[in-house]
Amino acid sequence: MATFFLPRRDKVTKEKPGSPEKQDVQQYKLITTKMENQKNWHQKHHETLSFGSHLADSVAKGMGSWNFIIVQTILVVLWMGLNLVGYVYHWDVYPFILLNLVFSTQAAYAAPIIMMSQNRQNDRDRVQAQADYQTNIDAKLEIEALSKKLNSLEVDKLDKILKMLEEQKTTSVK
């Protein structure tokens, strides 16, 4: 959650019910409650995914891990070892044709699933880039508004200083 700092108020300043300071505080509270209630793009995207999308992402995540590579390597070594050393029954003799068939089937299913997951990742990246762009636009507008407000405060202060100088000049002339 983003935090905003309100300008420090002197103890001399007394807030009136309709004063700009009171309006600033109310505006700040409205903005913070609005930000807390909004869902981020991760939550919005996660809610739109179907069961198949979740399954494809899980499979792609699992197949892209070291655990999968290690387990698959152990299974292949066991498969080959048992077939080479087996005295009585060899279910897949030396060229390991059945093992090749298993790997081909795995690749045939894994490739499209991984591609679907990558396409969704591209969609997520696109949505995130759009959200970042919108955040930058909002920040720019807010900075411009703050700059205008600071400029107006500066002009008001300068006007007050000039007024005080003129009053001092008129009182010193008398």
N, C-alpha and C. Protein backbone atom coordinates (compact mmCIF):
# COMPACT_ATOMS: atom_id res chain seq x y z
N MET A 1 0.84 -1.18 0.00
CA MET A 1 0.00 0.00 0.00
C MET A 1 0.89 1.24 0.00
N ALA A 2 0.55 2.19 -0.81
CA ALA A 2 1.31 3.42 -0.89
C ALA A 2 0.96 4.32 0.29
N THR A 3 1.94 5.04 0.78
CA THR A 3 1.69 5.98 1.87
C THR A 3 1.96 7.38 1.36
N PHE A 4 1.13 8.29 1.79
CA PHE A 4 1.26 9.69 1.40
C PHE A 4 1.52 10.50 2.66
N PHE A 5 2.33 11.53 2.54
CA PHE A 5 2.62 12.38 3.67
C PHE A 5 1.89 13.70 3.48
N LEU A 6 1.14 14.07 4.49
CA LEU A 6 0.44 15.35 4.45
C LEU A 6 1.39 16.43 4.93
N PRO A 7 1.23 17.65 4.43
CA PRO A 7 2.10 18.73 4.89
C PRO A 7 1.90 18.99 6.38
N ARG A 8 2.97 19.35 7.06
CA ARG A 8 2.90 19.64 8.49
C ARG A 8 2.18 20.96 8.71
N ARG A 9 1.30 20.97 9.66
CA ARG A 9 0.54 22.17 9.94
C ARG A 9 1.08 22.81 11.22
N ASP A 10 1.23 24.11 11.19
CA ASP A 10 1.68 24.82 12.39
C ASP A 10 0.54 24.83 13.41
N LYS A 11 0.91 24.95 14.66
CA LYS A 11 -0.12 24.98 15.69
C LYS A 11 -0.92 26.26 15.63
N VAL A 12 -0.37 27.29 14.99
CA VAL A 12 -1.06 28.57 14.88
C VAL A 12 -2.26 28.45 13.95
N THR A 13 -2.15 27.61 12.91
CA THR A 13 -3.22 27.46 11.93
C THR A 13 -4.38 26.71 12.56
N LYS A 14 -5.54 27.28 12.45
CA LYS A 14 -6.72 26.62 12.98
C LYS A 14 -7.60 26.23 11.80
N GLU A 15 -7.95 24.93 11.76
CA GLU A 15 -8.75 24.45 10.65
C GLU A 15 -10.21 24.82 10.88
N LYS A 16 -10.82 25.29 9.82
CA LYS A 16 -12.24 25.61 9.84
C LYS A 16 -12.96 24.50 9.08
N PRO A 17 -14.24 24.28 9.32
CA PRO A 17 -14.95 23.16 8.68
C PRO A 17 -14.79 23.11 7.16
N GLY A 18 -14.79 24.21 6.47
CA GLY A 18 -14.69 24.20 5.01
C GLY A 18 -13.32 24.58 4.50
N SER A 19 -12.33 24.59 5.36
CA SER A 19 -11.00 25.07 4.98
C SER A 19 -10.33 24.11 4.01
N PRO A 20 -9.38 24.65 3.21
CA PRO A 20 -8.65 23.79 2.28
C PRO A 20 -7.90 22.65 2.97
N GLU A 21 -7.41 22.91 4.20
CA GLU A 21 -6.69 21.86 4.92
C GLU A 21 -7.59 20.67 5.20
N LYS A 22 -8.82 20.96 5.60
CA LYS A 22 -9.80 19.90 5.89
C LYS A 22 -10.14 19.14 4.62
N GLN A 23 -10.26 19.86 3.51
CA GLN A 23 -10.55 19.22 2.23
C GLN A 23 -9.40 18.33 1.79
N ASP A 24 -8.15 18.76 2.04
CA ASP A 24 -6.99 17.95 1.70
C ASP A 24 -6.99 16.64 2.47
N VAL A 25 -7.32 16.72 3.76
CA VAL A 25 -7.35 15.52 4.59
C VAL A 25 -8.45 14.57 4.10
N GLN A 26 -9.61 15.13 3.77
CA GLN A 26 -10.70 14.29 3.27
C GLN A 26 -10.33 13.65 1.93
N GLN A 27 -9.69 14.41 1.08
CA GLN A 27 -9.27 13.89 -0.22
C GLN A 27 -8.24 12.77 -0.03
N TYR A 28 -7.32 12.97 0.90
CA TYR A 28 -6.30 11.96 1.20
C TYR A 28 -6.95 10.66 1.68
N LYS A 29 -7.92 10.78 2.59
CA LYS A 29 -8.61 9.59 3.10
C LYS A 29 -9.37 8.88 1.99
N LEU A 30 -10.00 9.63 1.10
CA LEU A 30 -10.74 9.05 -0.02
C LEU A 30 -9.80 8.30 -0.96
N ILE A 31 -8.66 8.88 -1.24
CA ILE A 31 -7.69 8.24 -2.15
C ILE A 31 -7.13 6.96 -1.53
N THR A 32 -6.78 7.00 -0.24
CA THR A 32 -6.20 5.80 0.38
C THR A 32 -7.22 4.67 0.48
N THR A 33 -8.49 4.96 0.80
CA THR A 33 -9.48 3.88 0.85
C THR A 33 -9.74 3.33 -0.55
N LYS A 34 -9.71 4.17 -1.56
CA LYS A 34 -9.91 3.70 -2.93
C LYS A 34 -8.76 2.78 -3.35
N MET A 35 -7.53 3.13 -2.97
CA MET A 35 -6.37 2.32 -3.33
C MET A 35 -6.39 0.98 -2.61
N GLU A 36 -6.86 0.96 -1.36
CA GLU A 36 -6.90 -0.30 -0.61
C GLU A 36 -7.93 -1.26 -1.19
N ASN A 37 -9.03 -0.74 -1.74
CA ASN A 37 -10.10 -1.58 -2.25
C ASN A 37 -9.86 -2.07 -3.66
N GLN A 38 -8.91 -1.50 -4.38
CA GLN A 38 -8.65 -1.90 -5.76
C GLN A 38 -7.85 -3.18 -5.80
N LYS A 39 -8.18 -4.02 -6.78
CA LYS A 39 -7.40 -5.24 -7.00
C LYS A 39 -6.25 -4.90 -7.93
N ASN A 40 -5.10 -5.54 -7.71
CA ASN A 40 -4.00 -5.32 -8.62
C ASN A 40 -4.17 -6.21 -9.84
N TRP A 41 -3.33 -6.01 -10.84
CA TRP A 41 -3.52 -6.73 -12.10
C TRP A 41 -3.25 -8.22 -11.94
N HIS A 42 -2.43 -8.62 -10.95
CA HIS A 42 -2.18 -10.05 -10.72
C HIS A 42 -3.47 -10.74 -10.30
N GLN A 43 -4.19 -10.12 -9.37
CA GLN A 43 -5.44 -10.71 -8.89
C GLN A 43 -6.48 -10.75 -9.99
N LYS A 44 -6.58 -9.68 -10.77
CA LYS A 44 -7.55 -9.66 -11.86
C LYS A 44 -7.25 -10.74 -12.89
N HIS A 45 -5.97 -10.89 -13.24
CA HIS A 45 -5.59 -11.88 -14.24
C HIS A 45 -5.82 -13.30 -13.72
N HIS A 46 -5.48 -13.55 -12.47
CA HIS A 46 -5.63 -14.88 -11.88
C HIS A 46 -7.10 -15.31 -11.88
N GLU A 47 -8.01 -14.36 -11.64
CA GLU A 47 -9.43 -14.69 -11.60
C GLU A 47 -9.98 -15.05 -12.98
N THR A 48 -9.35 -14.57 -14.05
CA THR A 48 -9.86 -14.83 -15.40
C THR A 48 -9.37 -16.15 -15.98
N LEU A 49 -8.41 -16.81 -15.33
CA LEU A 49 -7.86 -18.06 -15.87
C LEU A 49 -8.83 -19.23 -15.67
N SER A 50 -8.89 -20.09 -16.68
CA SER A 50 -9.72 -21.28 -16.59
C SER A 50 -8.94 -22.41 -15.91
N PHE A 51 -9.62 -23.54 -15.69
CA PHE A 51 -8.96 -24.69 -15.10
C PHE A 51 -7.82 -25.17 -15.99
N GLY A 52 -8.06 -25.23 -17.30
CA GLY A 52 -7.03 -25.66 -18.25
C GLY A 52 -5.81 -24.75 -18.22
N SER A 53 -6.04 -23.46 -18.07
CA SER A 53 -4.92 -22.52 -18.00
C SER A 53 -4.09 -22.74 -16.74
N HIS A 54 -4.79 -22.95 -15.62
CA HIS A 54 -4.07 -23.24 -14.37
C HIS A 54 -3.27 -24.54 -14.50
N LEU A 55 -3.90 -25.54 -15.11
CA LEU A 55 -3.23 -26.83 -15.28
C LEU A 55 -2.00 -26.69 -16.18
N ALA A 56 -2.16 -25.97 -17.30
CA ALA A 56 -1.03 -25.79 -18.22
C ALA A 56 0.10 -25.03 -17.54
N ASP A 57 -0.23 -24.01 -16.77
CA ASP A 57 0.82 -23.26 -16.06
C ASP A 57 1.53 -24.14 -15.03
N SER A 58 0.77 -24.99 -14.34
CA SER A 58 1.38 -25.88 -13.35
C SER A 58 2.30 -26.90 -14.01
N VAL A 59 1.83 -27.47 -15.14
CA VAL A 59 2.66 -28.46 -15.86
C VAL A 59 3.93 -27.80 -16.37
N ALA A 60 3.81 -26.61 -16.97
CA ALA A 60 4.99 -25.91 -17.49
C ALA A 60 5.94 -25.55 -16.36
N LYS A 61 5.39 -25.15 -15.23
CA LYS A 61 6.25 -24.82 -14.08
C LYS A 61 6.96 -26.05 -13.57
N GLY A 62 6.25 -27.18 -13.51
CA GLY A 62 6.85 -28.42 -13.04
C GLY A 62 7.91 -28.94 -14.00
N MET A 63 7.63 -28.89 -15.31
CA MET A 63 8.58 -29.42 -16.28
C MET A 63 9.80 -28.52 -16.43
N GLY A 64 9.69 -27.30 -16.02
CA GLY A 64 10.81 -26.38 -16.11
C GLY A 64 11.61 -26.29 -14.83
N SER A 65 11.52 -27.32 -14.00
CA SER A 65 12.23 -27.27 -12.71
C SER A 65 13.34 -28.32 -12.66
N TRP A 66 14.26 -28.11 -11.75
CA TRP A 66 15.34 -29.07 -11.54
C TRP A 66 14.80 -30.38 -10.99
N ASN A 67 13.75 -30.31 -10.18
CA ASN A 67 13.16 -31.53 -9.64
C ASN A 67 12.72 -32.47 -10.77
N PHE A 68 12.08 -31.91 -11.78
CA PHE A 68 11.63 -32.72 -12.91
C PHE A 68 12.82 -33.34 -13.63
N ILE A 69 13.85 -32.57 -13.88
CA ILE A 69 15.03 -33.08 -14.59
C ILE A 69 15.70 -34.19 -13.78
N ILE A 70 15.83 -34.01 -12.49
CA ILE A 70 16.48 -35.01 -11.64
C ILE A 70 15.64 -36.29 -11.59
N VAL A 71 14.33 -36.15 -11.37
CA VAL A 71 13.47 -37.34 -11.30
C VAL A 71 13.46 -38.07 -12.64
N GLN A 72 13.36 -37.33 -13.73
CA GLN A 72 13.35 -37.96 -15.05
C GLN A 72 14.69 -38.67 -15.32
N THR A 73 15.79 -38.08 -14.94
CA THR A 73 17.10 -38.71 -15.12
C THR A 73 17.20 -40.01 -14.32
N ILE A 74 16.72 -39.98 -13.08
CA ILE A 74 16.73 -41.19 -12.24
C ILE A 74 15.89 -42.28 -12.88
N LEU A 75 14.68 -41.91 -13.36
CA LEU A 75 13.80 -42.91 -13.99
C LEU A 75 14.44 -43.50 -15.25
N VAL A 76 15.09 -42.69 -16.07
CA VAL A 76 15.73 -43.18 -17.30
C VAL A 76 16.88 -44.12 -16.95
N VAL A 77 17.69 -43.75 -15.97
CA VAL A 77 18.81 -44.61 -15.57
C VAL A 77 18.28 -45.94 -15.03
N LEU A 78 17.22 -45.89 -14.19
CA LEU A 78 16.62 -47.13 -13.69
C LEU A 78 16.07 -47.98 -14.83
N TRP A 79 15.33 -47.35 -15.76
CA TRP A 79 14.75 -48.04 -16.91
C TRP A 79 15.85 -48.77 -17.69
N MET A 80 16.89 -48.06 -18.02
CA MET A 80 17.97 -48.64 -18.82
C MET A 80 18.72 -49.71 -18.02
N GLY A 81 18.97 -49.41 -16.77
CA GLY A 81 19.70 -50.37 -15.93
C GLY A 81 18.94 -51.67 -15.76
N LEU A 82 17.65 -51.57 -15.45
CA LEU A 82 16.85 -52.79 -15.27
C LEU A 82 16.74 -53.58 -16.56
N ASN A 83 16.69 -52.90 -17.70
CA ASN A 83 16.58 -53.61 -18.97
C ASN A 83 17.91 -54.23 -19.39
N LEU A 84 18.99 -53.64 -19.03
CA LEU A 84 20.29 -54.20 -19.40
C LEU A 84 20.70 -55.34 -18.49
N VAL A 85 20.38 -55.21 -17.21
CA VAL A 85 20.83 -56.17 -16.23
C VAL A 85 19.79 -57.27 -15.99
N GLY A 86 18.54 -57.03 -16.36
CA GLY A 86 17.47 -57.99 -16.10
C GLY A 86 17.78 -59.37 -16.67
N TYR A 87 17.74 -60.42 -15.82
CA TYR A 87 18.10 -61.77 -16.27
C TYR A 87 16.92 -62.48 -16.92
N VAL A 88 15.75 -62.23 -16.41
CA VAL A 88 14.62 -63.02 -16.87
C VAL A 88 13.82 -62.30 -17.95
N TYR A 89 13.45 -61.07 -17.70
CA TYR A 89 12.51 -60.42 -18.60
C TYR A 89 13.01 -59.03 -18.97
N HIS A 90 13.19 -58.78 -20.25
CA HIS A 90 13.56 -57.47 -20.76
C HIS A 90 12.34 -56.91 -21.48
N TRP A 91 11.67 -55.92 -20.90
CA TRP A 91 10.48 -55.37 -21.54
C TRP A 91 10.83 -54.34 -22.62
N ASP A 92 12.07 -53.85 -22.61
CA ASP A 92 12.49 -52.88 -23.63
C ASP A 92 13.98 -53.11 -23.90
N VAL A 93 14.25 -53.94 -24.89
CA VAL A 93 15.63 -54.34 -25.15
C VAL A 93 16.45 -53.18 -25.71
N TYR A 94 17.74 -53.42 -25.90
CA TYR A 94 18.76 -52.38 -26.07
C TYR A 94 18.42 -51.12 -26.85
N PRO A 95 17.93 -51.07 -28.01
CA PRO A 95 17.79 -49.72 -28.57
C PRO A 95 16.74 -48.88 -27.81
N PHE A 96 16.07 -49.51 -26.83
CA PHE A 96 15.09 -48.81 -25.96
C PHE A 96 14.03 -48.08 -26.78
N ILE A 97 13.35 -48.80 -27.63
CA ILE A 97 12.33 -48.23 -28.50
C ILE A 97 11.14 -47.73 -27.69
N LEU A 98 10.75 -48.49 -26.67
CA LEU A 98 9.62 -48.06 -25.83
C LEU A 98 9.97 -46.77 -25.08
N LEU A 99 11.20 -46.66 -24.62
CA LEU A 99 11.64 -45.44 -23.94
C LEU A 99 11.60 -44.24 -24.90
N ASN A 100 12.03 -44.45 -26.13
CA ASN A 100 11.94 -43.39 -27.14
C ASN A 100 10.50 -42.99 -27.40
N LEU A 101 9.60 -43.97 -27.42
CA LEU A 101 8.18 -43.68 -27.61
C LEU A 101 7.63 -42.85 -26.45
N VAL A 102 8.04 -43.21 -25.23
CA VAL A 102 7.59 -42.46 -24.05
C VAL A 102 8.09 -41.02 -24.14
N PHE A 103 9.37 -40.82 -24.50
CA PHE A 103 9.91 -39.46 -24.62
C PHE A 103 9.23 -38.68 -25.74
N SER A 104 8.93 -39.32 -26.84
CA SER A 104 8.26 -38.64 -27.96
C SER A 104 6.86 -38.20 -27.55
N THR A 105 6.16 -39.08 -26.85
CA THR A 105 4.81 -38.73 -26.38
C THR A 105 4.88 -37.59 -25.38
N GLN A 106 5.84 -37.65 -24.47
CA GLN A 106 6.01 -36.57 -23.49
C GLN A 106 6.29 -35.25 -24.20
N ALA A 107 7.17 -35.26 -25.19
CA ALA A 107 7.50 -34.04 -25.92
C ALA A 107 6.30 -33.52 -26.72
N ALA A 108 5.53 -34.45 -27.28
CA ALA A 108 4.37 -34.05 -28.08
C ALA A 108 3.33 -33.32 -27.23
N TYR A 109 3.19 -33.73 -25.97
CA TYR A 109 2.23 -33.06 -25.09
C TYR A 109 2.85 -31.85 -24.39
N ALA A 110 4.12 -31.94 -24.06
CA ALA A 110 4.75 -30.88 -23.29
C ALA A 110 4.92 -29.60 -24.10
N ALA A 111 5.31 -29.74 -25.37
CA ALA A 111 5.58 -28.54 -26.18
C ALA A 111 4.36 -27.62 -26.29
N PRO A 112 3.18 -28.12 -26.67
CA PRO A 112 2.02 -27.19 -26.75
C PRO A 112 1.62 -26.62 -25.39
N ILE A 113 1.75 -27.43 -24.34
CA ILE A 113 1.38 -26.93 -23.01
C ILE A 113 2.32 -25.80 -22.60
N ILE A 114 3.61 -25.98 -22.85
CA ILE A 114 4.57 -24.93 -22.51
C ILE A 114 4.34 -23.70 -23.37
N MET A 115 3.99 -23.89 -24.64
CA MET A 115 3.71 -22.74 -25.51
C MET A 115 2.46 -21.99 -25.05
N MET A 116 1.42 -22.71 -24.60
CA MET A 116 0.23 -22.04 -24.06
C MET A 116 0.60 -21.21 -22.84
N SER A 117 1.43 -21.77 -21.97
CA SER A 117 1.86 -21.05 -20.78
C SER A 117 2.67 -19.81 -21.16
N GLN A 118 3.52 -19.93 -22.16
CA GLN A 118 4.31 -18.77 -22.61
C GLN A 118 3.41 -17.70 -23.21
N ASN A 119 2.39 -18.11 -23.95
CA ASN A 119 1.44 -17.12 -24.50
C ASN A 119 0.72 -16.38 -23.38
N ARG A 120 0.33 -17.10 -22.34
CA ARG A 120 -0.31 -16.43 -21.21
C ARG A 120 0.67 -15.50 -20.51
N GLN A 121 1.95 -15.91 -20.44
CA GLN A 121 2.96 -15.04 -19.84
C GLN A 121 3.11 -13.75 -20.66
N ASN A 122 3.07 -13.89 -21.97
CA ASN A 122 3.12 -12.70 -22.84
C ASN A 122 1.92 -11.80 -22.57
N ASP A 123 0.74 -12.40 -22.40
CA ASP A 123 -0.46 -11.61 -22.09
C ASP A 123 -0.31 -10.91 -20.75
N ARG A 124 0.22 -11.64 -19.76
CA ARG A 124 0.44 -11.03 -18.44
C ARG A 124 1.43 -9.87 -18.54
N ASP A 125 2.49 -10.05 -19.31
CA ASP A 125 3.48 -8.99 -19.48
C ASP A 125 2.86 -7.77 -20.15
N ARG A 126 2.01 -8.00 -21.14
CA ARG A 126 1.35 -6.91 -21.83
C ARG A 126 0.43 -6.14 -20.87
N VAL A 127 -0.33 -6.88 -20.06
CA VAL A 127 -1.23 -6.24 -19.09
C VAL A 127 -0.43 -5.47 -18.05
N GLN A 128 0.68 -6.05 -17.61
CA GLN A 128 1.53 -5.36 -16.62
C GLN A 128 2.12 -4.08 -17.21
N ALA A 129 2.56 -4.15 -18.47
CA ALA A 129 3.12 -2.96 -19.11
C ALA A 129 2.05 -1.87 -19.22
N GLN A 130 0.82 -2.26 -19.55
CA GLN A 130 -0.27 -1.29 -19.64
C GLN A 130 -0.57 -0.69 -18.27
N ALA A 131 -0.57 -1.53 -17.23
CA ALA A 131 -0.81 -1.03 -15.87
C ALA A 131 0.31 -0.09 -15.44
N ASP A 132 1.54 -0.43 -15.76
CA ASP A 132 2.68 0.45 -15.43
C ASP A 132 2.55 1.79 -16.15
N TYR A 133 2.16 1.73 -17.41
CA TYR A 133 1.99 2.95 -18.20
C TYR A 133 0.90 3.83 -17.58
N GLN A 134 -0.22 3.21 -17.20
CA GLN A 134 -1.31 3.98 -16.59
C GLN A 134 -0.87 4.58 -15.26
N THR A 135 -0.09 3.83 -14.49
CA THR A 135 0.43 4.35 -13.22
C THR A 135 1.33 5.55 -13.47
N ASN A 136 2.16 5.46 -14.50
CA ASN A 136 3.05 6.58 -14.83
C ASN A 136 2.25 7.81 -15.25
N ILE A 137 1.19 7.61 -16.03
CA ILE A 137 0.35 8.74 -16.44
C ILE A 137 -0.31 9.37 -15.22
N ASP A 138 -0.85 8.53 -14.32
CA ASP A 138 -1.50 9.05 -13.12
C ASP A 138 -0.50 9.81 -12.24
N ALA A 139 0.71 9.27 -12.12
CA ALA A 139 1.74 9.93 -11.31
C ALA A 139 2.11 11.27 -11.94
N LYS A 140 2.23 11.30 -13.26
CA LYS A 140 2.57 12.54 -13.94
C LYS A 140 1.49 13.60 -13.70
N LEU A 141 0.22 13.20 -13.83
CA LEU A 141 -0.88 14.14 -13.60
C LEU A 141 -0.89 14.64 -12.15
N GLU A 142 -0.61 13.75 -11.23
CA GLU A 142 -0.58 14.15 -9.83
C GLU A 142 0.58 15.10 -9.55
N ILE A 143 1.74 14.82 -10.14
CA ILE A 143 2.89 15.70 -9.96
C ILE A 143 2.61 17.07 -10.56
N GLU A 144 1.97 17.10 -11.73
CA GLU A 144 1.63 18.39 -12.34
C GLU A 144 0.65 19.16 -11.46
N ALA A 145 -0.33 18.46 -10.88
CA ALA A 145 -1.30 19.13 -10.00
C ALA A 145 -0.60 19.67 -8.76
N LEU A 146 0.31 18.87 -8.19
CA LEU A 146 1.05 19.33 -7.02
C LEU A 146 1.93 20.52 -7.36
N SER A 147 2.53 20.49 -8.54
CA SER A 147 3.38 21.60 -8.97
C SER A 147 2.55 22.88 -9.11
N LYS A 148 1.36 22.77 -9.70
CA LYS A 148 0.49 23.94 -9.83
C LYS A 148 0.08 24.46 -8.45
N LYS A 149 -0.22 23.53 -7.54
CA LYS A 149 -0.63 23.96 -6.21
C LYS A 149 0.53 24.65 -5.49
N LEU A 150 1.73 24.08 -5.62
CA LEU A 150 2.90 24.71 -5.00
C LEU A 150 3.16 26.09 -5.60
N ASN A 151 3.02 26.20 -6.90
CA ASN A 151 3.20 27.50 -7.56
C ASN A 151 2.19 28.52 -7.05
N SER A 152 0.93 28.08 -6.93
CA SER A 152 -0.09 29.01 -6.44
C SER A 152 0.18 29.41 -4.99
N LEU A 153 0.65 28.45 -4.17
CA LEU A 153 1.00 28.79 -2.79
C LEU A 153 2.16 29.77 -2.75
N GLU A 154 3.12 29.57 -3.63
CA GLU A 154 4.28 30.46 -3.70
C GLU A 154 3.84 31.87 -4.11
N VAL A 155 2.97 31.94 -5.09
CA VAL A 155 2.48 33.25 -5.54
C VAL A 155 1.70 33.93 -4.42
N ASP A 156 0.87 33.15 -3.70
CA ASP A 156 0.12 33.72 -2.58
C ASP A 156 1.06 34.25 -1.50
N LYS A 157 2.09 33.51 -1.20
CA LYS A 157 3.05 33.95 -0.18
C LYS A 157 3.78 35.21 -0.65
N LEU A 158 4.18 35.21 -1.91
CA LEU A 158 4.85 36.41 -2.43
C LEU A 158 3.93 37.62 -2.39
N ASP A 159 2.66 37.41 -2.72
CA ASP A 159 1.69 38.51 -2.64
C ASP A 159 1.57 39.02 -1.20
N LYS A 160 1.53 38.11 -0.25
CA LYS A 160 1.44 38.51 1.16
C LYS A 160 2.69 39.28 1.58
N ILE A 161 3.85 38.81 1.13
CA ILE A 161 5.10 39.49 1.48
C ILE A 161 5.13 40.89 0.88
N LEU A 162 4.72 41.01 -0.36
CA LEU A 162 4.66 42.32 -1.00
C LEU A 162 3.68 43.24 -0.28
N LYS A 163 2.54 42.70 0.10
CA LYS A 163 1.54 43.48 0.83
C LYS A 163 2.11 43.95 2.16
N MET A 164 2.83 43.06 2.86
CA MET A 164 3.43 43.42 4.13
C MET A 164 4.51 44.49 3.94
N LEU A 165 5.30 44.38 2.88
CA LEU A 165 6.32 45.38 2.59
C LEU A 165 5.69 46.74 2.29
N GLU A 166 4.61 46.73 1.52
CA GLU A 166 3.91 47.99 1.23
C GLU A 166 3.35 48.60 2.49
N GLU A 167 2.77 47.76 3.37
CA GLU A 167 2.24 48.26 4.64
C GLU A 167 3.37 48.84 5.50
N GLN A 168 4.49 48.16 5.51
CA GLN A 168 5.63 48.66 6.27
C GLN A 168 6.13 49.99 5.70
N LYS A 169 6.12 50.05 4.37
CA LYS A 169 6.57 51.28 3.73
C LYS A 169 5.62 52.44 4.06
N THR A 170 4.32 52.17 4.03
CA THR A 170 3.36 53.23 4.32
C THR A 170 3.42 53.64 5.80
N THR A 171 3.65 52.70 6.70
CA THR A 171 3.74 53.05 8.12
C THR A 171 5.04 53.78 8.43
N SER A 172 6.12 53.47 7.72
CA SER A 172 7.39 54.14 7.96
C SER A 172 7.38 55.54 7.37
N VAL A 173 6.61 55.81 6.32
CA VAL A 173 6.50 57.12 5.70
C VAL A 173 5.71 58.05 6.61
N LYS A 174 4.76 57.56 7.35
CA LYS A 174 3.92 58.39 8.21
C LYS A 174 4.70 58.84 9.36
